[in-house]
């Protein structure tokens, strides 16, 4: 068996504090490595959860309310993090204006908007997208809650459909994501628009197709 030896002549073990070797004098840690380790330690970490709350058992009825809760935590670290929370709802999942944002610690909101995304080429149904951008201090939390109403587009063979909602967070750290799925009953004849059921939609910003 051949063991590759580092350029310092020993087997190196990388930690946040030292570059230790299995015997012999320990070399001086490179400055660029110190900077990278220090930067990662200063930023801490991020956690994201995506959960649903239903009024009854699944599958739920089409048009009924689903409560989504997006929870972002900035754990440990010493520096604040600029983050972007994005949640692209699946087609035919329509958000309502009933929403709430709460925070723990120092969280600064820069933008918070809903956007109506034009349908893709293979679909005739637009989608809704939530965008939140801001800065989170260490050990702070952001909780975004909103209601949405599913209007599934089922085939004749479907008895129910699963709608998966995927949220993601982008920051100077690696991107993270979390999904939540809800099963919706397929009605025999359902072509109503949300407005026909008295369901309001949030104030949105139309986005032009690219």
N, C-alpha and C. Protein backbone atom coordinates (compact mmCIF):
# COMPACT_ATOMS: atom_id res chain seq x y z
N UNK A 1 0.86 -1.20 0.00
CA UNK A 1 0.00 0.00 0.00
C UNK A 1 0.89 1.24 0.00
N UNK A 2 0.57 2.21 -0.83
CA UNK A 2 1.34 3.45 -0.89
C UNK A 2 0.56 4.54 -0.17
N UNK A 3 1.25 5.24 0.69
CA UNK A 3 0.65 6.36 1.42
C UNK A 3 1.20 7.65 0.86
N UNK A 4 0.30 8.50 0.43
CA UNK A 4 0.73 9.79 -0.11
C UNK A 4 1.09 10.72 1.04
N UNK A 5 2.28 11.23 1.02
CA UNK A 5 2.76 12.10 2.09
C UNK A 5 2.60 13.54 1.66
N UNK A 6 2.15 14.37 2.59
CA UNK A 6 1.96 15.78 2.27
C UNK A 6 3.30 16.45 2.03
N UNK A 7 3.24 17.67 1.52
CA UNK A 7 4.48 18.36 1.20
C UNK A 7 5.25 18.75 2.46
N UNK A 8 4.61 18.57 3.63
CA UNK A 8 5.32 18.86 4.86
C UNK A 8 6.01 17.61 5.41
N UNK A 9 5.86 16.46 4.72
CA UNK A 9 6.53 15.25 5.16
C UNK A 9 5.82 14.52 6.26
N UNK A 10 4.51 14.78 6.42
CA UNK A 10 3.72 14.08 7.43
C UNK A 10 2.29 14.01 6.97
N UNK A 11 1.51 13.18 7.64
CA UNK A 11 0.10 13.03 7.30
C UNK A 11 -0.68 14.09 8.05
N UNK A 12 -1.36 14.98 7.31
CA UNK A 12 -2.00 16.14 7.92
C UNK A 12 -3.44 15.85 8.29
N UNK A 13 -3.88 16.42 9.40
CA UNK A 13 -5.27 16.34 9.84
C UNK A 13 -5.79 17.76 9.96
N UNK A 14 -6.81 18.11 9.18
CA UNK A 14 -7.30 19.48 9.12
C UNK A 14 -8.34 19.71 10.20
N UNK A 15 -8.14 20.70 11.02
CA UNK A 15 -9.13 21.11 12.01
C UNK A 15 -9.28 22.61 11.92
N UNK A 16 -10.21 23.16 12.70
CA UNK A 16 -10.40 24.61 12.70
C UNK A 16 -9.28 25.33 13.46
N UNK A 17 -8.48 24.59 14.22
CA UNK A 17 -7.50 25.25 15.06
C UNK A 17 -6.06 24.99 14.66
N UNK A 18 -5.80 23.82 14.06
CA UNK A 18 -4.41 23.51 13.78
C UNK A 18 -4.31 22.55 12.61
N UNK A 19 -3.13 22.47 12.09
CA UNK A 19 -2.82 21.50 11.05
C UNK A 19 -1.84 20.52 11.67
N UNK A 20 -2.37 19.49 12.35
CA UNK A 20 -1.54 18.60 13.14
C UNK A 20 -0.99 17.49 12.29
N UNK A 21 0.12 16.92 12.70
CA UNK A 21 0.75 15.84 11.98
C UNK A 21 0.95 14.65 12.91
N UNK A 22 1.05 13.48 12.30
CA UNK A 22 1.24 12.28 13.08
C UNK A 22 2.73 12.07 13.33
N UNK A 23 3.29 12.94 14.12
CA UNK A 23 4.69 12.82 14.45
C UNK A 23 5.50 13.94 13.82
N UNK A 24 6.60 14.31 14.50
CA UNK A 24 7.47 15.35 13.96
C UNK A 24 6.95 16.74 14.27
N UNK A 25 7.68 17.72 13.85
CA UNK A 25 7.30 19.11 14.11
C UNK A 25 6.09 19.49 13.29
N UNK A 26 5.22 20.28 13.88
CA UNK A 26 4.02 20.72 13.18
C UNK A 26 4.34 21.96 12.37
N UNK A 27 4.04 21.93 11.08
CA UNK A 27 4.37 23.08 10.22
C UNK A 27 3.45 24.25 10.48
N UNK A 28 3.87 25.39 10.06
CA UNK A 28 3.04 26.58 10.17
C UNK A 28 1.88 26.49 9.19
N UNK A 29 0.69 26.82 9.66
CA UNK A 29 -0.50 26.72 8.81
C UNK A 29 -0.50 27.83 7.78
N UNK A 30 -0.76 27.52 6.50
CA UNK A 30 -0.77 28.56 5.46
C UNK A 30 -1.77 29.66 5.77
N UNK A 31 -1.43 30.90 5.42
CA UNK A 31 -2.29 32.04 5.72
C UNK A 31 -3.63 31.93 5.02
N UNK A 32 -3.63 31.44 3.76
CA UNK A 32 -4.90 31.35 3.03
C UNK A 32 -5.83 30.32 3.65
N UNK A 33 -5.26 29.26 4.27
CA UNK A 33 -6.09 28.27 4.94
C UNK A 33 -6.68 28.85 6.20
N UNK A 34 -5.88 29.62 6.93
CA UNK A 34 -6.38 30.30 8.12
C UNK A 34 -7.56 31.20 7.77
N UNK A 35 -7.43 31.93 6.67
CA UNK A 35 -8.48 32.86 6.26
C UNK A 35 -9.76 32.12 5.91
N UNK A 36 -9.64 30.99 5.19
CA UNK A 36 -10.82 30.23 4.78
C UNK A 36 -11.52 29.63 5.99
N UNK A 37 -10.72 29.08 6.92
CA UNK A 37 -11.31 28.49 8.12
C UNK A 37 -11.96 29.55 8.98
N UNK A 38 -11.28 30.70 9.14
CA UNK A 38 -11.85 31.77 9.94
C UNK A 38 -13.14 32.28 9.37
N UNK A 39 -13.20 32.40 8.04
CA UNK A 39 -14.41 32.88 7.39
C UNK A 39 -15.58 31.94 7.62
N UNK A 40 -15.34 30.63 7.46
CA UNK A 40 -16.42 29.66 7.66
C UNK A 40 -16.91 29.67 9.09
N UNK A 41 -15.98 29.78 10.05
CA UNK A 41 -16.37 29.80 11.45
C UNK A 41 -17.15 31.06 11.79
N UNK A 42 -16.79 32.21 11.17
CA UNK A 42 -17.48 33.46 11.45
C UNK A 42 -18.92 33.44 10.96
N UNK A 43 -19.19 32.78 9.85
CA UNK A 43 -20.53 32.81 9.25
C UNK A 43 -21.50 31.87 9.96
N UNK A 44 -21.03 30.83 10.62
CA UNK A 44 -21.93 29.89 11.28
C UNK A 44 -22.62 29.00 10.27
N UNK A 45 -23.88 28.67 10.52
CA UNK A 45 -24.63 27.78 9.63
C UNK A 45 -26.07 28.23 9.46
N UNK A 46 -26.77 27.58 8.53
CA UNK A 46 -28.18 27.89 8.26
C UNK A 46 -29.00 26.61 8.32
N UNK A 47 -30.22 26.71 8.82
CA UNK A 47 -31.17 25.60 8.83
C UNK A 47 -32.49 26.07 8.25
N UNK A 48 -33.15 25.20 7.49
CA UNK A 48 -34.44 25.53 6.88
C UNK A 48 -35.40 24.37 7.05
N UNK A 49 -36.61 24.64 7.54
CA UNK A 49 -37.67 23.63 7.59
C UNK A 49 -38.89 24.15 6.86
N UNK A 50 -39.63 23.23 6.27
CA UNK A 50 -40.84 23.55 5.50
C UNK A 50 -41.93 22.58 5.96
N UNK A 51 -42.95 23.09 6.64
CA UNK A 51 -43.97 22.22 7.21
C UNK A 51 -45.37 22.70 6.80
N UNK A 52 -46.33 21.78 6.87
CA UNK A 52 -47.72 22.10 6.56
C UNK A 52 -48.62 21.83 7.76
N UNK A 53 -49.72 22.54 7.80
CA UNK A 53 -50.74 22.33 8.82
C UNK A 53 -52.09 22.25 8.12
N UNK A 54 -52.81 21.16 8.34
CA UNK A 54 -54.08 20.91 7.65
C UNK A 54 -55.23 20.86 8.64
N UNK A 55 -56.41 21.23 8.14
CA UNK A 55 -57.60 21.21 9.00
C UNK A 55 -58.15 19.80 9.17
N UNK A 56 -57.80 18.90 8.27
CA UNK A 56 -58.31 17.53 8.33
C UNK A 56 -57.32 16.56 7.74
N UNK A 57 -57.71 15.30 7.67
CA UNK A 57 -56.79 14.27 7.14
C UNK A 57 -56.62 14.39 5.63
N UNK A 58 -55.53 13.84 5.13
CA UNK A 58 -55.30 13.78 3.69
C UNK A 58 -55.97 12.54 3.10
N UNK A 59 -56.38 12.63 1.83
CA UNK A 59 -56.27 13.79 0.95
C UNK A 59 -57.28 14.87 1.31
N UNK A 60 -56.86 16.13 1.20
CA UNK A 60 -57.75 17.24 1.51
C UNK A 60 -58.60 17.58 0.29
N UNK A 61 -59.67 18.32 0.51
CA UNK A 61 -60.53 18.73 -0.59
C UNK A 61 -59.88 19.84 -1.42
N UNK A 62 -60.13 19.83 -2.70
CA UNK A 62 -59.63 20.89 -3.57
C UNK A 62 -60.19 22.23 -3.12
N UNK A 63 -59.34 23.24 -3.07
CA UNK A 63 -59.76 24.57 -2.66
C UNK A 63 -59.65 24.84 -1.18
N UNK A 64 -59.42 23.81 -0.37
CA UNK A 64 -59.31 24.03 1.07
C UNK A 64 -57.95 24.65 1.40
N UNK A 65 -57.83 25.16 2.61
CA UNK A 65 -56.63 25.91 2.99
C UNK A 65 -55.55 24.98 3.52
N UNK A 66 -54.31 25.27 3.11
CA UNK A 66 -53.12 24.61 3.63
C UNK A 66 -52.22 25.70 4.21
N UNK A 67 -51.83 25.51 5.46
CA UNK A 67 -50.93 26.49 6.09
C UNK A 67 -49.49 26.00 5.95
N UNK A 68 -48.66 26.83 5.32
CA UNK A 68 -47.24 26.53 5.17
C UNK A 68 -46.43 27.38 6.14
N UNK A 69 -45.43 26.77 6.75
CA UNK A 69 -44.53 27.48 7.65
C UNK A 69 -43.09 27.23 7.21
N UNK A 70 -42.41 28.31 6.83
CA UNK A 70 -41.00 28.26 6.46
C UNK A 70 -40.20 28.86 7.62
N UNK A 71 -39.26 28.07 8.14
CA UNK A 71 -38.51 28.47 9.33
C UNK A 71 -37.01 28.45 9.00
N UNK A 72 -36.39 29.61 9.07
CA UNK A 72 -34.96 29.74 8.78
C UNK A 72 -34.24 30.10 10.07
N UNK A 73 -33.15 29.38 10.36
CA UNK A 73 -32.32 29.66 11.53
C UNK A 73 -30.89 29.93 11.09
N UNK A 74 -30.31 31.01 11.62
CA UNK A 74 -28.87 31.27 11.44
C UNK A 74 -28.19 30.86 12.74
N UNK A 75 -27.52 29.73 12.73
CA UNK A 75 -26.97 29.17 13.94
C UNK A 75 -25.50 29.55 14.12
N UNK A 76 -25.19 30.01 15.33
CA UNK A 76 -23.81 30.29 15.74
C UNK A 76 -23.17 31.33 14.83
N UNK A 77 -21.85 31.31 14.75
CA UNK A 77 -21.15 32.29 13.94
C UNK A 77 -21.01 33.63 14.66
N UNK A 78 -20.30 34.53 13.99
CA UNK A 78 -20.05 35.87 14.54
C UNK A 78 -20.52 36.98 13.61
N UNK A 79 -20.72 36.66 12.34
CA UNK A 79 -21.09 37.67 11.36
C UNK A 79 -22.53 37.47 10.89
N UNK A 80 -23.16 38.58 10.49
CA UNK A 80 -24.50 38.51 9.91
C UNK A 80 -24.42 37.92 8.51
N UNK A 81 -25.53 37.32 8.08
CA UNK A 81 -25.59 36.67 6.78
C UNK A 81 -26.67 37.32 5.91
N UNK A 82 -26.33 37.77 4.70
CA UNK A 82 -27.37 38.14 3.75
C UNK A 82 -27.96 36.87 3.15
N UNK A 83 -29.28 36.75 3.18
CA UNK A 83 -29.91 35.54 2.66
C UNK A 83 -31.07 35.89 1.75
N UNK A 84 -31.42 34.94 0.91
CA UNK A 84 -32.61 35.04 0.07
C UNK A 84 -33.42 33.76 0.24
N UNK A 85 -34.64 33.91 0.69
CA UNK A 85 -35.58 32.79 0.82
C UNK A 85 -36.50 32.82 -0.39
N UNK A 86 -36.56 31.71 -1.11
CA UNK A 86 -37.41 31.64 -2.30
C UNK A 86 -38.27 30.38 -2.22
N UNK A 87 -39.55 30.55 -2.50
CA UNK A 87 -40.48 29.41 -2.50
C UNK A 87 -41.33 29.50 -3.77
N UNK A 88 -41.06 28.59 -4.69
CA UNK A 88 -41.83 28.52 -5.93
C UNK A 88 -42.93 27.48 -5.73
N UNK A 89 -44.17 27.93 -5.66
CA UNK A 89 -45.27 27.00 -5.42
C UNK A 89 -45.53 26.14 -6.65
N UNK A 90 -45.98 24.92 -6.45
CA UNK A 90 -46.32 24.09 -7.61
C UNK A 90 -47.52 24.68 -8.35
N UNK A 91 -47.66 24.40 -9.64
CA UNK A 91 -48.81 24.93 -10.39
C UNK A 91 -50.14 24.57 -9.72
N UNK A 92 -51.05 25.53 -9.75
CA UNK A 92 -52.41 25.37 -9.22
C UNK A 92 -52.44 25.31 -7.70
N UNK A 93 -51.37 25.77 -7.05
CA UNK A 93 -51.40 26.02 -5.61
C UNK A 93 -51.37 27.53 -5.43
N UNK A 94 -52.51 28.09 -5.01
CA UNK A 94 -52.71 29.54 -5.03
C UNK A 94 -52.60 30.10 -3.61
N UNK A 95 -51.67 31.03 -3.35
CA UNK A 95 -51.54 31.62 -2.02
C UNK A 95 -52.61 32.65 -1.76
N UNK A 96 -52.93 32.86 -0.51
CA UNK A 96 -53.88 33.90 -0.12
C UNK A 96 -53.13 35.00 0.62
N UNK A 97 -53.77 36.17 0.83
CA UNK A 97 -53.08 37.26 1.53
C UNK A 97 -52.84 36.98 3.00
N UNK A 98 -53.43 35.92 3.54
CA UNK A 98 -53.25 35.60 4.96
C UNK A 98 -51.83 35.08 5.17
N UNK A 99 -50.98 35.94 5.69
CA UNK A 99 -49.59 35.55 5.91
C UNK A 99 -49.04 36.33 7.09
N UNK A 100 -48.00 35.79 7.70
CA UNK A 100 -47.40 36.43 8.86
C UNK A 100 -45.91 36.16 8.85
N UNK A 101 -45.15 37.17 9.25
CA UNK A 101 -43.70 37.05 9.36
C UNK A 101 -43.30 37.39 10.79
N UNK A 102 -42.60 36.48 11.44
CA UNK A 102 -42.11 36.75 12.78
C UNK A 102 -40.62 36.46 12.83
N UNK A 103 -39.93 37.09 13.76
CA UNK A 103 -38.49 36.94 13.86
C UNK A 103 -38.07 36.76 15.31
N UNK A 104 -36.91 36.14 15.47
CA UNK A 104 -36.24 36.03 16.76
C UNK A 104 -34.84 36.60 16.57
N UNK A 105 -34.45 37.54 17.43
CA UNK A 105 -33.15 38.16 17.27
C UNK A 105 -33.19 39.26 16.23
N UNK A 106 -32.02 39.60 15.72
CA UNK A 106 -31.89 40.73 14.80
C UNK A 106 -32.00 40.25 13.35
N UNK A 107 -33.17 40.50 12.75
CA UNK A 107 -33.41 40.15 11.35
C UNK A 107 -33.90 41.40 10.62
N UNK A 108 -33.24 41.75 9.54
CA UNK A 108 -33.60 42.94 8.76
C UNK A 108 -34.21 42.49 7.44
N UNK A 109 -35.46 42.89 7.19
CA UNK A 109 -36.12 42.56 5.93
C UNK A 109 -35.84 43.65 4.90
N UNK A 110 -35.32 43.24 3.75
CA UNK A 110 -35.06 44.19 2.67
C UNK A 110 -36.18 44.17 1.65
N UNK A 111 -36.61 42.98 1.21
CA UNK A 111 -37.73 42.84 0.30
C UNK A 111 -38.54 41.61 0.66
N UNK A 112 -39.84 41.68 0.40
CA UNK A 112 -40.71 40.53 0.62
C UNK A 112 -41.87 40.66 -0.37
N UNK A 113 -41.86 39.84 -1.44
CA UNK A 113 -42.85 39.99 -2.50
C UNK A 113 -43.33 38.64 -2.99
N UNK A 114 -44.52 38.64 -3.54
CA UNK A 114 -45.04 37.51 -4.31
C UNK A 114 -44.97 37.88 -5.78
N UNK A 115 -44.56 36.94 -6.60
CA UNK A 115 -44.43 37.16 -8.03
C UNK A 115 -45.24 36.11 -8.78
N UNK A 116 -45.95 36.54 -9.82
CA UNK A 116 -46.66 35.62 -10.69
C UNK A 116 -45.75 35.26 -11.85
N UNK A 117 -45.34 34.00 -11.91
CA UNK A 117 -44.39 33.54 -12.92
C UNK A 117 -45.17 33.00 -14.11
N UNK A 118 -44.90 33.49 -15.32
CA UNK A 118 -45.60 32.97 -16.50
C UNK A 118 -45.40 31.47 -16.65
N UNK A 119 -46.37 30.80 -17.26
CA UNK A 119 -46.26 29.34 -17.41
C UNK A 119 -45.12 28.94 -18.33
N UNK A 120 -44.60 27.76 -18.08
CA UNK A 120 -43.58 27.21 -18.96
C UNK A 120 -44.21 26.82 -20.29
N UNK A 121 -43.37 26.49 -21.24
CA UNK A 121 -43.86 26.20 -22.59
C UNK A 121 -44.82 25.03 -22.61
N UNK A 122 -44.61 24.05 -21.72
CA UNK A 122 -45.44 22.85 -21.73
C UNK A 122 -46.68 22.98 -20.85
N UNK A 123 -46.90 24.15 -20.26
CA UNK A 123 -48.01 24.31 -19.34
C UNK A 123 -48.74 25.62 -19.64
N UNK A 124 -50.01 25.65 -19.29
CA UNK A 124 -50.81 26.86 -19.46
C UNK A 124 -51.12 27.51 -18.12
N UNK A 125 -50.53 26.99 -17.04
CA UNK A 125 -50.84 27.45 -15.70
C UNK A 125 -49.66 28.23 -15.12
N UNK A 126 -49.88 29.50 -14.73
CA UNK A 126 -48.79 30.24 -14.09
C UNK A 126 -48.54 29.74 -12.67
N UNK A 127 -47.43 30.11 -12.11
CA UNK A 127 -47.10 29.72 -10.75
C UNK A 127 -46.81 30.96 -9.92
N UNK A 128 -46.91 30.79 -8.60
CA UNK A 128 -46.64 31.88 -7.68
C UNK A 128 -45.29 31.64 -7.01
N UNK A 129 -44.57 32.73 -6.80
CA UNK A 129 -43.24 32.62 -6.19
C UNK A 129 -43.09 33.65 -5.08
N UNK A 130 -42.66 33.18 -3.92
CA UNK A 130 -42.35 34.05 -2.79
C UNK A 130 -40.86 34.34 -2.77
N UNK A 131 -40.52 35.62 -2.64
CA UNK A 131 -39.13 36.04 -2.51
C UNK A 131 -38.99 36.91 -1.27
N UNK A 132 -38.11 36.46 -0.37
CA UNK A 132 -37.77 37.27 0.80
C UNK A 132 -36.27 37.44 0.83
N UNK A 133 -35.82 38.66 1.01
CA UNK A 133 -34.39 38.92 1.09
C UNK A 133 -34.13 39.81 2.29
N UNK A 134 -33.04 39.54 2.99
CA UNK A 134 -32.70 40.32 4.17
C UNK A 134 -31.39 39.87 4.76
N UNK A 135 -31.15 40.32 5.98
CA UNK A 135 -29.91 40.03 6.69
C UNK A 135 -30.26 39.44 8.05
N UNK A 136 -29.61 38.33 8.38
CA UNK A 136 -29.87 37.65 9.64
C UNK A 136 -28.61 37.65 10.50
N UNK A 137 -28.74 38.15 11.73
CA UNK A 137 -27.63 38.14 12.66
C UNK A 137 -27.44 36.72 13.21
N UNK A 138 -26.29 36.44 13.82
CA UNK A 138 -26.08 35.11 14.41
C UNK A 138 -27.16 34.77 15.44
N UNK A 139 -27.57 33.51 15.44
CA UNK A 139 -28.58 32.99 16.37
C UNK A 139 -29.93 33.69 16.22
N UNK A 140 -30.25 34.16 15.01
CA UNK A 140 -31.56 34.74 14.75
C UNK A 140 -32.41 33.75 13.95
N UNK A 141 -33.72 34.02 13.92
CA UNK A 141 -34.66 33.13 13.24
C UNK A 141 -35.69 33.93 12.47
N UNK A 142 -36.12 33.36 11.35
CA UNK A 142 -37.18 33.94 10.53
C UNK A 142 -38.26 32.89 10.32
N UNK A 143 -39.50 33.25 10.61
CA UNK A 143 -40.63 32.34 10.41
C UNK A 143 -41.63 33.02 9.48
N UNK A 144 -41.86 32.39 8.34
CA UNK A 144 -42.79 32.93 7.34
C UNK A 144 -43.95 31.95 7.21
N UNK A 145 -45.17 32.43 7.50
CA UNK A 145 -46.36 31.59 7.45
C UNK A 145 -47.34 32.16 6.41
N UNK A 146 -47.93 31.28 5.61
CA UNK A 146 -48.94 31.73 4.66
C UNK A 146 -49.92 30.59 4.37
N UNK A 147 -51.09 30.97 3.89
CA UNK A 147 -52.11 30.00 3.49
C UNK A 147 -52.10 29.87 1.97
N UNK A 148 -52.37 28.67 1.50
CA UNK A 148 -52.46 28.42 0.06
C UNK A 148 -53.60 27.44 -0.19
N UNK A 149 -54.18 27.51 -1.39
CA UNK A 149 -55.33 26.67 -1.74
C UNK A 149 -55.01 25.86 -2.99
N UNK A 150 -55.09 24.55 -2.92
CA UNK A 150 -54.77 23.71 -4.07
C UNK A 150 -55.96 23.55 -5.01
N UNK A 151 -55.69 23.64 -6.30
CA UNK A 151 -56.69 23.40 -7.34
C UNK A 151 -56.08 22.44 -8.35
N UNK A 152 -56.09 21.16 -8.03
CA UNK A 152 -55.36 20.18 -8.86
C UNK A 152 -55.97 20.02 -10.24
N UNK A 153 -55.11 19.77 -11.19
CA UNK A 153 -55.53 19.46 -12.56
C UNK A 153 -55.34 17.96 -12.75
N UNK A 154 -56.42 17.22 -12.62
CA UNK A 154 -56.34 15.76 -12.59
C UNK A 154 -56.79 15.16 -13.92
N UNK A 155 -56.29 13.99 -14.18
CA UNK A 155 -56.78 13.23 -15.32
C UNK A 155 -57.96 12.36 -14.87
N UNK A 156 -58.61 11.71 -15.81
CA UNK A 156 -59.76 10.89 -15.46
C UNK A 156 -59.38 9.69 -14.60
N UNK A 157 -58.13 9.31 -14.63
CA UNK A 157 -57.69 8.14 -13.87
C UNK A 157 -57.18 8.49 -12.48
N UNK A 158 -57.01 9.80 -12.20
CA UNK A 158 -56.47 10.21 -10.90
C UNK A 158 -57.57 10.29 -9.85
N UNK A 159 -57.31 9.73 -8.70
CA UNK A 159 -58.22 9.91 -7.56
C UNK A 159 -57.70 10.98 -6.61
N UNK A 160 -56.37 11.19 -6.62
CA UNK A 160 -55.75 12.24 -5.82
C UNK A 160 -54.41 12.60 -6.44
N UNK A 161 -53.92 13.79 -6.07
CA UNK A 161 -52.61 14.24 -6.54
C UNK A 161 -51.80 14.75 -5.35
N UNK A 162 -50.49 14.57 -5.43
CA UNK A 162 -49.59 15.09 -4.40
C UNK A 162 -48.93 16.36 -4.93
N UNK A 163 -49.08 17.46 -4.21
CA UNK A 163 -48.45 18.72 -4.58
C UNK A 163 -47.27 18.95 -3.65
N UNK A 164 -46.08 19.05 -4.24
CA UNK A 164 -44.87 19.23 -3.44
C UNK A 164 -44.39 20.68 -3.54
N UNK A 165 -44.18 21.28 -2.40
CA UNK A 165 -43.72 22.66 -2.32
C UNK A 165 -42.26 22.66 -1.88
N UNK A 166 -41.38 23.24 -2.70
CA UNK A 166 -39.95 23.25 -2.43
C UNK A 166 -39.49 24.68 -2.17
N UNK A 167 -38.94 24.90 -0.99
CA UNK A 167 -38.37 26.21 -0.62
C UNK A 167 -36.86 26.08 -0.55
N UNK A 168 -36.16 27.18 -0.82
CA UNK A 168 -34.71 27.16 -0.77
C UNK A 168 -34.17 28.47 -0.22
N UNK A 169 -32.99 28.38 0.35
CA UNK A 169 -32.31 29.55 0.89
C UNK A 169 -30.94 29.65 0.23
N UNK A 170 -30.63 30.83 -0.28
CA UNK A 170 -29.32 31.12 -0.85
C UNK A 170 -28.62 32.15 0.01
N UNK A 171 -27.31 31.95 0.19
CA UNK A 171 -26.50 32.82 1.04
C UNK A 171 -25.05 32.63 0.65
N UNK A 172 -24.11 33.30 1.34
CA UNK A 172 -22.70 33.01 1.08
C UNK A 172 -22.30 31.57 1.40
N UNK A 173 -23.12 30.87 2.17
CA UNK A 173 -22.89 29.46 2.44
C UNK A 173 -23.49 28.62 1.31
N UNK A 174 -23.39 27.32 1.41
CA UNK A 174 -23.97 26.44 0.41
C UNK A 174 -25.50 26.54 0.44
N UNK A 175 -26.18 26.48 -0.73
CA UNK A 175 -27.65 26.55 -0.76
C UNK A 175 -28.26 25.39 0.02
N UNK A 176 -29.39 25.65 0.66
CA UNK A 176 -30.13 24.61 1.36
C UNK A 176 -31.59 24.66 0.89
N UNK A 177 -32.29 23.54 1.01
CA UNK A 177 -33.69 23.48 0.57
C UNK A 177 -34.47 22.54 1.48
N UNK A 178 -35.79 22.70 1.46
CA UNK A 178 -36.68 21.84 2.24
C UNK A 178 -38.02 21.77 1.51
N UNK A 179 -38.62 20.59 1.50
CA UNK A 179 -39.88 20.42 0.78
C UNK A 179 -40.98 19.93 1.72
N UNK A 180 -42.21 20.19 1.31
CA UNK A 180 -43.39 19.71 2.03
C UNK A 180 -44.42 19.29 1.00
N UNK A 181 -45.04 18.14 1.21
CA UNK A 181 -45.99 17.59 0.26
C UNK A 181 -47.36 17.43 0.90
N UNK A 182 -48.40 17.68 0.11
CA UNK A 182 -49.77 17.49 0.58
C UNK A 182 -50.57 16.76 -0.50
N UNK A 183 -51.39 15.81 -0.08
CA UNK A 183 -52.21 15.05 -1.01
C UNK A 183 -53.59 15.69 -1.10
N UNK A 184 -54.03 15.88 -2.36
CA UNK A 184 -55.29 16.59 -2.62
C UNK A 184 -56.23 15.67 -3.38
N UNK A 185 -57.47 15.64 -2.96
CA UNK A 185 -58.49 14.83 -3.62
C UNK A 185 -58.81 15.41 -4.99
N UNK A 186 -58.95 14.55 -5.97
CA UNK A 186 -59.31 14.99 -7.31
C UNK A 186 -60.83 15.00 -7.45
N UNK A 187 -61.44 16.16 -7.65
CA UNK A 187 -62.89 16.22 -7.81
C UNK A 187 -63.32 15.68 -9.17
N UNK A 188 -64.56 15.25 -9.25
CA UNK A 188 -65.08 14.73 -10.51
C UNK A 188 -65.25 15.83 -11.54
N UNK A 189 -65.65 17.01 -11.08
CA UNK A 189 -65.86 18.13 -12.00
C UNK A 189 -65.51 19.41 -11.27
N UNK A 190 -64.34 19.95 -11.53
CA UNK A 190 -63.88 21.12 -10.80
C UNK A 190 -63.10 22.01 -11.74
N UNK A 191 -63.71 23.12 -12.13
CA UNK A 191 -63.03 24.04 -13.02
C UNK A 191 -63.11 25.48 -12.50
N UNK A 192 -63.39 25.62 -11.20
CA UNK A 192 -63.54 26.95 -10.63
C UNK A 192 -62.22 27.67 -10.51
N UNK A 193 -62.27 28.96 -10.64
CA UNK A 193 -61.12 29.82 -10.36
C UNK A 193 -61.18 30.18 -8.88
N UNK A 194 -60.04 30.44 -8.23
CA UNK A 194 -60.08 30.82 -6.82
C UNK A 194 -61.04 31.94 -6.50
N UNK A 195 -61.17 32.92 -7.42
CA UNK A 195 -62.07 34.04 -7.16
C UNK A 195 -63.53 33.58 -7.07
N UNK A 196 -63.87 32.51 -7.78
CA UNK A 196 -65.24 32.01 -7.75
C UNK A 196 -65.62 31.45 -6.38
N UNK A 197 -64.60 31.07 -5.61
CA UNK A 197 -64.85 30.53 -4.27
C UNK A 197 -64.64 31.58 -3.19
N UNK A 198 -64.49 32.81 -3.59
CA UNK A 198 -64.28 33.88 -2.62
C UNK A 198 -62.88 33.92 -2.05
N UNK A 199 -61.91 33.33 -2.74
CA UNK A 199 -60.54 33.29 -2.27
C UNK A 199 -59.75 34.43 -2.92
N UNK A 200 -59.20 35.29 -2.09
CA UNK A 200 -58.37 36.37 -2.60
C UNK A 200 -56.95 35.87 -2.80
N UNK A 201 -56.24 36.51 -3.70
CA UNK A 201 -54.82 36.21 -3.89
C UNK A 201 -54.00 37.39 -3.40
N UNK A 202 -52.74 37.17 -3.02
CA UNK A 202 -51.93 38.29 -2.51
C UNK A 202 -51.59 39.27 -3.60
N UNK A 203 -51.16 40.45 -3.18
CA UNK A 203 -50.67 41.44 -4.14
C UNK A 203 -49.40 40.89 -4.77
N UNK A 204 -49.40 40.80 -6.09
CA UNK A 204 -48.28 40.16 -6.77
C UNK A 204 -47.68 41.11 -7.78
N UNK A 205 -46.47 40.81 -8.18
CA UNK A 205 -45.76 41.58 -9.20
C UNK A 205 -45.60 40.70 -10.43
N UNK A 206 -46.32 40.98 -11.52
CA UNK A 206 -46.16 40.14 -12.71
C UNK A 206 -44.72 40.18 -13.22
N UNK A 207 -44.24 39.05 -13.70
CA UNK A 207 -42.89 38.97 -14.24
C UNK A 207 -42.97 38.57 -15.68
N UNK A 208 -42.25 39.28 -16.51
CA UNK A 208 -42.27 38.99 -17.94
C UNK A 208 -41.50 37.72 -18.22
N UNK A 209 -41.96 36.94 -19.20
CA UNK A 209 -41.21 35.72 -19.56
C UNK A 209 -39.85 36.08 -20.13
N UNK A 210 -38.88 35.21 -19.84
CA UNK A 210 -37.52 35.45 -20.32
C UNK A 210 -37.38 35.05 -21.78
